[in-house]
Amino acid sequence: MKCRSIGPLALLAAAGLLGGGSLLGLAAFLFYGSFQLIDLGLDGAEILVWDGLLALAFSVQHSGMIRKPVRRFMERFLPEGASGAFFALASGTVLLLLLLLWQRSSFEPVPVQGTWRWCLRAAFLLAAGGFAWAARSLRSFDTLGIRPVLNRLSGRKERPMPMIVRGPYRWVRHPLYLFTLVLLWSCPDLTADRLLLNVLWSGWIVLATRLEERDLEAVFGESYRRYRREVPMLIPHRARPAPERVVS
């Protein structure tokens, strides 16, 4: 193995370990609630302030680093094609810190029991399946930034990502965000800290959707504007889905 390959491969391994591992941890966190792995000795309002700062820190890091000007700045210092993997590594690190340091509030409303509890659990599992469906529909979905690094190491040229209208993208423009919202709100044990997370991240998702819309319109122009006229942003309220297509 050439020495110049060691750095990119190490970055891929770190991105896979921290990025992929933290996403699995987040799924468990959203399903079961706070792990309370590290008790910081906070109480009452202190817990909510601390948890709010953790939630906002991840939101700012994630949305900030994914913006094109920040990506271009990072690419000045990173190996070619490595910005996606570095983003996954950074996001995974911040998310892991959130999962480790999140504090559980002592205030917990009466938990949902019986049939409604099972309905919420079923909604979570269906949303998880929908998230996987949406990611698979894209085909170019690469949340860990693996493909550009492997293309560079093998000498293959990176192709521009096309605009794909397939699967749930025929019903809503941002199904990944829609299913994430369902994952957030389908917890039957709504503690004060979980309610805070749900509210903050729901607002962040709506804002991130608006920012992503601008980026997509800048890339695909009239094709995306037409798609926006045909398909709702987050709530599927039209009787007929948009036709399937791929726009390069």
C-alpha atoms as a PDB file:
ATOM      1  CA  MET A   1       0.000   0.000   0.000  1.00  0.00           C
ATOM      2  CA  LYS A   2       1.349   3.420  -0.935  1.00  0.00           C
ATOM      3  CA  CYS A   3       1.991   5.814   1.910  1.00  0.00           C
ATOM      4  CA  ARG A   4      -0.230   8.454   0.336  1.00  0.00           C
ATOM      5  CA  SER A   5      -3.190   6.071   0.665  1.00  0.00           C
ATOM      6  CA  ILE A   6      -2.813   5.600   4.404  1.00  0.00           C
ATOM      7  CA  GLY A   7      -4.140   9.054   5.366  1.00  0.00           C
ATOM      8  CA  PRO A   8      -7.357   8.890   3.285  1.00  0.00           C
ATOM      9  CA  LEU A   9      -8.041   5.313   4.399  1.00  0.00           C
ATOM     10  CA  ALA A  10      -7.508   6.273   8.043  1.00  0.00           C
ATOM     11  CA  LEU A  11      -9.947   9.150   7.541  1.00  0.00           C
ATOM     12  CA  LEU A  12     -12.493   6.746   6.048  1.00  0.00           C
ATOM     13  CA  ALA A  13     -12.085   4.361   8.975  1.00  0.00           C
ATOM     14  CA  ALA A  14     -12.536   7.176  11.501  1.00  0.00           C
ATOM     15  CA  ALA A  15     -15.555   8.555   9.611  1.00  0.00           C
ATOM     16  CA  GLY A  16     -17.131   5.105   9.486  1.00  0.00           C
ATOM     17  CA  LEU A  17     -16.467   4.403  13.156  1.00  0.00           C
ATOM     18  CA  LEU A  18     -17.554   7.745  14.589  1.00  0.00           C
ATOM     19  CA  GLY A  19     -20.034   8.808  11.904  1.00  0.00           C
ATOM     20  CA  GLY A  20     -21.742   5.452  11.493  1.00  0.00           C
ATOM     21  CA  GLY A  21     -21.508   4.544  15.189  1.00  0.00           C
ATOM     22  CA  SER A  22     -22.987   7.838  16.346  1.00  0.00           C
ATOM     23  CA  LEU A  23     -25.927   7.454  13.933  1.00  0.00           C
ATOM     24  CA  LEU A  24     -26.707   4.032  15.395  1.00  0.00           C
ATOM     25  CA  GLY A  25     -26.418   5.536  18.862  1.00  0.00           C
ATOM     26  CA  LEU A  26     -28.798   8.344  17.874  1.00  0.00           C
ATOM     27  CA  ALA A  27     -31.365   5.813  16.638  1.00  0.00           C
ATOM     28  CA  ALA A  28     -31.248   4.049  20.024  1.00  0.00           C
ATOM     29  CA  PHE A  29     -31.388   7.408  21.820  1.00  0.00           C
ATOM     30  CA  LEU A  30     -34.511   8.476  19.918  1.00  0.00           C
ATOM     31  CA  PHE A  31     -36.203   5.128  20.526  1.00  0.00           C
ATOM     32  CA  TYR A  32     -35.345   4.529  24.194  1.00  0.00           C
ATOM     33  CA  GLY A  33     -34.669   8.047  25.477  1.00  0.00           C
ATOM     34  CA  SER A  34     -31.620   9.490  27.231  1.00  0.00           C
ATOM     35  CA  PHE A  35     -28.884   7.033  28.209  1.00  0.00           C
ATOM     36  CA  GLN A  36     -27.688   9.218  31.128  1.00  0.00           C
ATOM     37  CA  LEU A  37     -24.197   7.724  30.715  1.00  0.00           C
ATOM     38  CA  ILE A  38     -22.438  10.586  32.518  1.00  0.00           C
ATOM     39  CA  ASP A  39     -24.142  12.341  35.408  1.00  0.00           C
ATOM     40  CA  LEU A  40     -22.968  15.962  35.588  1.00  0.00           C
ATOM     41  CA  GLY A  41     -24.842  16.683  38.800  1.00  0.00           C
ATOM     42  CA  LEU A  42     -27.171  19.243  37.208  1.00  0.00           C
ATOM     43  CA  ASP A  43     -30.745  19.779  38.281  1.00  0.00           C
ATOM     44  CA  GLY A  44     -33.942  21.406  37.044  1.00  0.00           C
ATOM     45  CA  ALA A  45     -33.389  24.319  34.678  1.00  0.00           C
ATOM     46  CA  GLU A  46     -29.628  23.632  34.559  1.00  0.00           C
ATOM     47  CA  ILE A  47     -30.312  20.345  32.763  1.00  0.00           C
ATOM     48  CA  LEU A  48     -32.483  22.006  30.134  1.00  0.00           C
ATOM     49  CA  VAL A  49     -29.966  24.801  29.524  1.00  0.00           C
ATOM     50  CA  TRP A  50     -27.140  22.273  29.169  1.00  0.00           C
ATOM     51  CA  ASP A  51     -29.114  19.953  26.876  1.00  0.00           C
ATOM     52  CA  GLY A  52     -30.279  22.917  24.807  1.00  0.00           C
ATOM     53  CA  LEU A  53     -26.674  23.982  24.256  1.00  0.00           C
ATOM     54  CA  LEU A  54     -25.731  20.453  23.177  1.00  0.00           C
ATOM     55  CA  ALA A  55     -28.626  20.304  20.701  1.00  0.00           C
ATOM     56  CA  LEU A  56     -27.780  23.719  19.281  1.00  0.00           C
ATOM     57  CA  ALA A  57     -24.059  22.889  19.039  1.00  0.00           C
ATOM     58  CA  PHE A  58     -24.779  19.878  16.835  1.00  0.00           C
ATOM     59  CA  SER A  59     -27.251  21.853  14.718  1.00  0.00           C
ATOM     60  CA  VAL A  60     -24.785  24.690  14.114  1.00  0.00           C
ATOM     61  CA  GLN A  61     -21.881  22.336  13.376  1.00  0.00           C
ATOM     62  CA  HIS A  62     -23.899  20.171  11.000  1.00  0.00           C
ATOM     63  CA  SER A  63     -25.624  22.957   9.084  1.00  0.00           C
ATOM     64  CA  GLY A  64     -22.524  25.166   9.071  1.00  0.00           C
ATOM     65  CA  MET A  65     -20.068  22.588   7.735  1.00  0.00           C
ATOM     66  CA  ILE A  66     -22.443  21.389   5.024  1.00  0.00           C
ATOM     67  CA  ARG A  67     -22.674  24.829   3.407  1.00  0.00           C
ATOM     68  CA  LYS A  68     -20.697  25.223   0.192  1.00  0.00           C
ATOM     69  CA  PRO A  69     -18.469  28.164   1.284  1.00  0.00           C
ATOM     70  CA  VAL A  70     -17.355  26.173   4.341  1.00  0.00           C
ATOM     71  CA  ARG A  71     -16.789  23.062   2.217  1.00  0.00           C
ATOM     72  CA  ARG A  72     -14.638  25.053  -0.219  1.00  0.00           C
ATOM     73  CA  PHE A  73     -12.618  26.469   2.686  1.00  0.00           C
ATOM     74  CA  MET A  74     -12.029  22.969   4.120  1.00  0.00           C
ATOM     75  CA  GLU A  75     -10.969  21.630   0.734  1.00  0.00           C
ATOM     76  CA  ARG A  76      -8.013  24.037   0.776  1.00  0.00           C
ATOM     77  CA  PHE A  77      -6.497  22.029   3.638  1.00  0.00           C
ATOM     78  CA  LEU A  78      -7.820  18.505   3.044  1.00  0.00           C
ATOM     79  CA  PRO A  79      -6.831  15.903   0.438  1.00  0.00           C
ATOM     80  CA  GLU A  80      -8.910  15.944  -2.719  1.00  0.00           C
ATOM     81  CA  GLY A  81     -12.325  14.351  -2.201  1.00  0.00           C
ATOM     82  CA  ALA A  82     -11.921  14.096   1.587  1.00  0.00           C
ATOM     83  CA  SER A  83     -14.252  16.913   2.687  1.00  0.00           C
ATOM     84  CA  GLY A  84     -17.306  14.610   2.899  1.00  0.00           C
ATOM     85  CA  ALA A  85     -15.512  12.070   5.099  1.00  0.00           C
ATOM     86  CA  PHE A  86     -14.125  14.870   7.289  1.00  0.00           C
ATOM     87  CA  PHE A  87     -17.642  16.273   7.652  1.00  0.00           C
ATOM     88  CA  ALA A  88     -18.913  12.822   8.705  1.00  0.00           C
ATOM     89  CA  LEU A  89     -16.051  12.532  11.206  1.00  0.00           C
ATOM     90  CA  ALA A  90     -16.721  15.966  12.713  1.00  0.00           C
ATOM     91  CA  SER A  91     -20.495  15.426  12.849  1.00  0.00           C
ATOM     92  CA  GLY A  92     -20.046  11.988  14.368  1.00  0.00           C
ATOM     93  CA  THR A  93     -17.740  13.383  17.045  1.00  0.00           C
ATOM     94  CA  VAL A  94     -20.135  16.179  18.031  1.00  0.00           C
ATOM     95  CA  LEU A  95     -23.132  13.820  17.969  1.00  0.00           C
ATOM     96  CA  LEU A  96     -21.280  11.283  20.114  1.00  0.00           C
ATOM     97  CA  LEU A  97     -20.530  13.999  22.674  1.00  0.00           C
ATOM     98  CA  LEU A  98     -24.216  14.927  22.691  1.00  0.00           C
ATOM     99  CA  LEU A  99     -25.217  11.299  23.355  1.00  0.00           C
ATOM    100  CA  LEU A 100     -22.629  10.899  26.114  1.00  0.00           C
ATOM    101  CA  LEU A 101     -23.264  14.200  27.887  1.00  0.00           C
ATOM    102  CA  TRP A 102     -27.035  14.498  27.492  1.00  0.00           C
ATOM    103  CA  GLN A 103     -28.757  14.805  30.880  1.00  0.00           C
ATOM    104  CA  ARG A 104     -32.184  13.338  31.625  1.00  0.00           C
ATOM    105  CA  SER A 105     -34.739  15.641  33.212  1.00  0.00           C
ATOM    106  CA  SER A 106     -36.527  14.454  36.337  1.00  0.00           C
ATOM    107  CA  PHE A 107     -39.816  15.850  35.010  1.00  0.00           C
ATOM    108  CA  GLU A 108     -41.746  13.256  33.030  1.00  0.00           C
ATOM    109  CA  PRO A 109     -45.427  13.530  32.084  1.00  0.00           C
ATOM    110  CA  VAL A 110     -47.618  10.456  32.335  1.00  0.00           C
ATOM    111  CA  PRO A 111     -46.186   8.067  29.725  1.00  0.00           C
ATOM    112  CA  VAL A 112     -48.380   6.869  26.885  1.00  0.00           C
ATOM    113  CA  GLN A 113     -49.523   3.305  27.520  1.00  0.00           C
ATOM    114  CA  GLY A 114     -51.580   0.619  25.850  1.00  0.00           C
ATOM    115  CA  THR A 115     -52.593   0.799  22.198  1.00  0.00           C
ATOM    116  CA  TRP A 116     -51.330   4.340  21.661  1.00  0.00           C
ATOM    117  CA  ARG A 117     -47.864   3.370  22.899  1.00  0.00           C
ATOM    118  CA  TRP A 118     -47.703   0.539  20.374  1.00  0.00           C
ATOM    119  CA  CYS A 119     -48.908   2.918  17.665  1.00  0.00           C
ATOM    120  CA  LEU A 120     -46.056   5.321  18.435  1.00  0.00           C
ATOM    121  CA  ARG A 121     -43.523   2.479  18.423  1.00  0.00           C
ATOM    122  CA  ALA A 122     -44.909   1.301  15.079  1.00  0.00           C
ATOM    123  CA  ALA A 123     -44.627   4.858  13.713  1.00  0.00           C
ATOM    124  CA  PHE A 124     -40.956   4.939  14.752  1.00  0.00           C
ATOM    125  CA  LEU A 125     -40.195   1.664  12.977  1.00  0.00           C
ATOM    126  CA  LEU A 126     -42.103   2.723   9.867  1.00  0.00           C
ATOM    127  CA  ALA A 127     -40.225   6.037   9.810  1.00  0.00           C
ATOM    128  CA  ALA A 128     -36.906   4.190  10.146  1.00  0.00           C
ATOM    129  CA  GLY A 129     -37.906   2.027   7.184  1.00  0.00           C
ATOM    130  CA  GLY A 130     -38.986   5.126   5.269  1.00  0.00           C
ATOM    131  CA  PHE A 131     -35.643   6.778   5.968  1.00  0.00           C
ATOM    132  CA  ALA A 132     -33.842   3.729   4.532  1.00  0.00           C
ATOM    133  CA  TRP A 133     -36.208   3.768   1.523  1.00  0.00           C
ATOM    134  CA  ALA A 134     -35.474   7.450   0.846  1.00  0.00           C
ATOM    135  CA  ALA A 135     -31.715   6.919   1.147  1.00  0.00           C
ATOM    136  CA  ARG A 136     -31.862   3.920  -1.198  1.00  0.00           C
ATOM    137  CA  SER A 137     -33.973   5.866  -3.705  1.00  0.00           C
ATOM    138  CA  LEU A 138     -31.183   8.413  -4.113  1.00  0.00           C
ATOM    139  CA  ARG A 139     -28.628   5.701  -4.992  1.00  0.00           C
ATOM    140  CA  SER A 140     -25.939   8.371  -4.645  1.00  0.00           C
ATOM    141  CA  PHE A 141     -26.638   8.758  -0.892  1.00  0.00           C
ATOM    142  CA  ASP A 142     -23.248   8.756   0.817  1.00  0.00           C
ATOM    143  CA  THR A 143     -23.590  10.158   4.314  1.00  0.00           C
ATOM    144  CA  LEU A 144     -20.061   9.084   5.350  1.00  0.00           C
ATOM    145  CA  GLY A 145     -18.266  10.574   2.333  1.00  0.00           C
ATOM    146  CA  ILE A 146     -16.793   7.222   1.300  1.00  0.00           C
ATOM    147  CA  ARG A 147     -17.253   7.319  -2.479  1.00  0.00           C
ATOM    148  CA  PRO A 148     -15.165  10.458  -3.301  1.00  0.00           C
ATOM    149  CA  VAL A 149     -12.181   9.137  -1.327  1.00  0.00           C
ATOM    150  CA  LEU A 150     -12.336   5.716  -2.975  1.00  0.00           C
ATOM    151  CA  ASN A 151     -12.705   7.332  -6.405  1.00  0.00           C
ATOM    152  CA  ARG A 152      -9.597   9.420  -5.793  1.00  0.00           C
ATOM    153  CA  LEU A 153      -7.560   6.428  -4.628  1.00  0.00           C
ATOM    154  CA  SER A 154      -8.618   4.369  -7.654  1.00  0.00           C
ATOM    155  CA  GLY A 155      -8.146   7.227 -10.115  1.00  0.00           C
ATOM    156  CA  ARG A 156     -11.824   7.422 -11.083  1.00  0.00           C
ATOM    157  CA  LYS A 157     -13.340  10.807 -11.866  1.00  0.00           C
ATOM    158  CA  GLU A 158     -16.090  12.020  -9.543  1.00  0.00           C
ATOM    159  CA  ARG A 159     -19.398  12.499 -11.330  1.00  0.00           C
ATOM    160  CA  PRO A 160     -21.771  15.356 -10.469  1.00  0.00           C
ATOM    161  CA  MET A 161     -24.740  14.188  -8.399  1.00  0.00           C
ATOM    162  CA  PRO A 162     -27.965  14.143 -10.458  1.00  0.00           C
ATOM    163  CA  MET A 163     -31.373  15.308  -9.258  1.00  0.00           C
ATOM    164  CA  ILE A 164     -33.349  12.136  -8.630  1.00  0.00           C
ATOM    165  CA  VAL A 165     -37.147  12.003  -8.390  1.00  0.00           C
ATOM    166  CA  ARG A 166     -37.863   8.453  -7.289  1.00  0.00           C
ATOM    167  CA  GLY A 167     -39.562   6.623  -4.427  1.00  0.00           C
ATOM    168  CA  PRO A 168     -40.688   8.993  -1.638  1.00  0.00           C
ATOM    169  CA  TYR A 169     -39.138  11.935  -3.523  1.00  0.00           C
ATOM    170  CA  ARG A 170     -42.176  11.731  -5.796  1.00  0.00           C
ATOM    171  CA  TRP A 171     -44.383  12.653  -2.808  1.00  0.00           C
ATOM    172  CA  VAL A 172     -42.257  15.150  -0.830  1.00  0.00           C
ATOM    173  CA  ARG A 173     -39.066  17.023  -1.682  1.00  0.00           C
ATOM    174  CA  HIS A 174     -37.340  16.182   1.615  1.00  0.00           C
ATOM    175  CA  PRO A 175     -38.453  12.730   2.799  1.00  0.00           C
ATOM    176  CA  LEU A 176     -35.310  12.223   4.901  1.00  0.00           C
ATOM    177  CA  TYR A 177     -36.270  15.268   6.971  1.00  0.00           C
ATOM    178  CA  LEU A 178     -39.913  14.169   7.131  1.00  0.00           C
ATOM    179  CA  PHE A 179     -39.015  10.733   8.486  1.00  0.00           C
ATOM    180  CA  THR A 180     -36.569  12.302  10.941  1.00  0.00           C
ATOM    181  CA  LEU A 181     -39.399  14.439  12.331  1.00  0.00           C
ATOM    182  CA  VAL A 182     -41.504  11.304  12.837  1.00  0.00           C
ATOM    183  CA  LEU A 183     -38.568   9.605  14.591  1.00  0.00           C
ATOM    184  CA  LEU A 184     -38.287  12.596  16.918  1.00  0.00           C
ATOM    185  CA  TRP A 185     -41.955  12.812  17.880  1.00  0.00           C
ATOM    186  CA  SER A 186     -42.844   9.104  18.120  1.00  0.00           C
ATOM    187  CA  CYS A 187     -41.339   8.641  21.587  1.00  0.00           C
ATOM    188  CA  PRO A 188     -44.095   7.687  24.108  1.00  0.00           C
ATOM    189  CA  ASP A 189     -42.054   8.860  27.129  1.00  0.00           C
ATOM    190  CA  LEU A 190     -41.843  12.604  26.622  1.00  0.00           C
ATOM    191  CA  THR A 191     -39.550  13.908  29.357  1.00  0.00           C
ATOM    192  CA  ALA A 192     -38.795  17.633  29.529  1.00  0.00           C
ATOM    193  CA  ASP A 193     -35.348  17.143  27.978  1.00  0.00           C
ATOM    194  CA  ARG A 194     -36.817  15.102  25.118  1.00  0.00           C
ATOM    195  CA  LEU A 195     -39.483  17.723  24.477  1.00  0.00           C
ATOM    196  CA  LEU A 196     -36.737  20.349  24.323  1.00  0.00           C
ATOM    197  CA  LEU A 197     -34.762  18.247  21.830  1.00  0.00           C
ATOM    198  CA  ASN A 198     -37.844  17.686  19.680  1.00  0.00           C
ATOM    199  CA  VAL A 199     -38.706  21.385  19.541  1.00  0.00           C
ATOM    200  CA  LEU A 200     -35.147  22.577  18.847  1.00  0.00           C
ATOM    201  CA  TRP A 201     -34.395  19.956  16.212  1.00  0.00           C
ATOM    202  CA  SER A 202     -37.773  20.376  14.511  1.00  0.00           C
ATOM    203  CA  GLY A 203     -37.029  24.074  14.098  1.00  0.00           C
ATOM    204  CA  TRP A 204     -33.525  23.253  12.892  1.00  0.00           C
ATOM    205  CA  ILE A 205     -34.876  20.772  10.315  1.00  0.00           C
ATOM    206  CA  VAL A 206     -37.275  23.347   8.880  1.00  0.00           C
ATOM    207  CA  LEU A 207     -34.457  25.919   8.668  1.00  0.00           C
ATOM    208  CA  ALA A 208     -32.065  23.366   7.140  1.00  0.00           C
ATOM    209  CA  THR A 209     -34.706  22.498   4.567  1.00  0.00           C
ATOM    210  CA  ARG A 210     -34.955  26.142   3.507  1.00  0.00           C
ATOM    211  CA  LEU A 211     -31.178  26.438   3.193  1.00  0.00           C
ATOM    212  CA  GLU A 212     -30.938  23.211   1.207  1.00  0.00           C
ATOM    213  CA  GLU A 213     -33.680  24.412  -1.133  1.00  0.00           C
ATOM    214  CA  ARG A 214     -31.533  27.419  -2.070  1.00  0.00           C
ATOM    215  CA  ASP A 215     -28.508  25.212  -2.729  1.00  0.00           C
ATOM    216  CA  LEU A 216     -30.481  22.791  -4.899  1.00  0.00           C
ATOM    217  CA  GLU A 217     -32.046  25.592  -6.910  1.00  0.00           C
ATOM    218  CA  ALA A 218     -28.592  27.073  -7.517  1.00  0.00           C
ATOM    219  CA  VAL A 219     -27.351  23.704  -8.834  1.00  0.00           C
ATOM    220  CA  PHE A 220     -30.340  22.485 -10.877  1.00  0.00           C
ATOM    221  CA  GLY A 221     -32.023  25.778 -11.774  1.00  0.00           C
ATOM    222  CA  GLU A 222     -35.340  25.539 -13.579  1.00  0.00           C
ATOM    223  CA  SER A 223     -35.492  21.746 -13.174  1.00  0.00           C
ATOM    224  CA  TYR A 224     -35.616  22.127  -9.415  1.00  0.00           C
ATOM    225  CA  ARG A 225     -38.041  25.050  -9.573  1.00  0.00           C
ATOM    226  CA  ARG A 226     -40.391  22.872 -11.616  1.00  0.00           C
ATOM    227  CA  TYR A 227     -39.966  20.034  -9.113  1.00  0.00           C
ATOM    228  CA  ARG A 228     -40.758  22.443  -6.283  1.00  0.00           C
ATOM    229  CA  ARG A 229     -44.002  23.449  -7.987  1.00  0.00           C
ATOM    230  CA  GLU A 230     -45.002  19.799  -8.434  1.00  0.00           C
ATOM    231  CA  VAL A 231     -44.088  18.291  -5.034  1.00  0.00           C
ATOM    232  CA  PRO A 232     -44.735  19.514  -1.443  1.00  0.00           C
ATOM    233  CA  MET A 233     -41.741  20.252   0.776  1.00  0.00           C
ATOM    234  CA  LEU A 234     -42.411  18.071   3.836  1.00  0.00           C
ATOM    235  CA  ILE A 235     -46.102  17.124   4.108  1.00  0.00           C
ATOM    236  CA  PRO A 236     -47.436  14.775   1.376  1.00  0.00           C
ATOM    237  CA  HIS A 237     -50.830  16.303   0.632  1.00  0.00           C
ATOM    238  CA  ARG A 238     -51.244  15.767  -3.112  1.00  0.00           C
ATOM    239  CA  ALA A 239     -53.248  12.847  -4.492  1.00  0.00           C
ATOM    240  CA  ARG A 240     -50.826  11.995  -7.296  1.00  0.00           C
ATOM    241  CA  PRO A 241     -47.052  11.698  -7.054  1.00  0.00           C
ATOM    242  CA  ALA A 242     -44.687  13.442  -9.436  1.00  0.00           C
ATOM    243  CA  PRO A 243     -43.396  11.372 -12.373  1.00  0.00           C
ATOM    244  CA  GLU A 244     -40.151   9.510 -11.824  1.00  0.00           C
ATOM    245  CA  ARG A 245     -37.111  11.108 -13.471  1.00  0.00           C
ATOM    246  CA  VAL A 246     -33.383  11.757 -13.189  1.00  0.00           C
ATOM    247  CA  VAL A 247     -31.934  15.150 -14.104  1.00  0.00           C
ATOM    248  CA  SER A 248     -28.172  15.358 -14.581  1.00  0.00           C
END
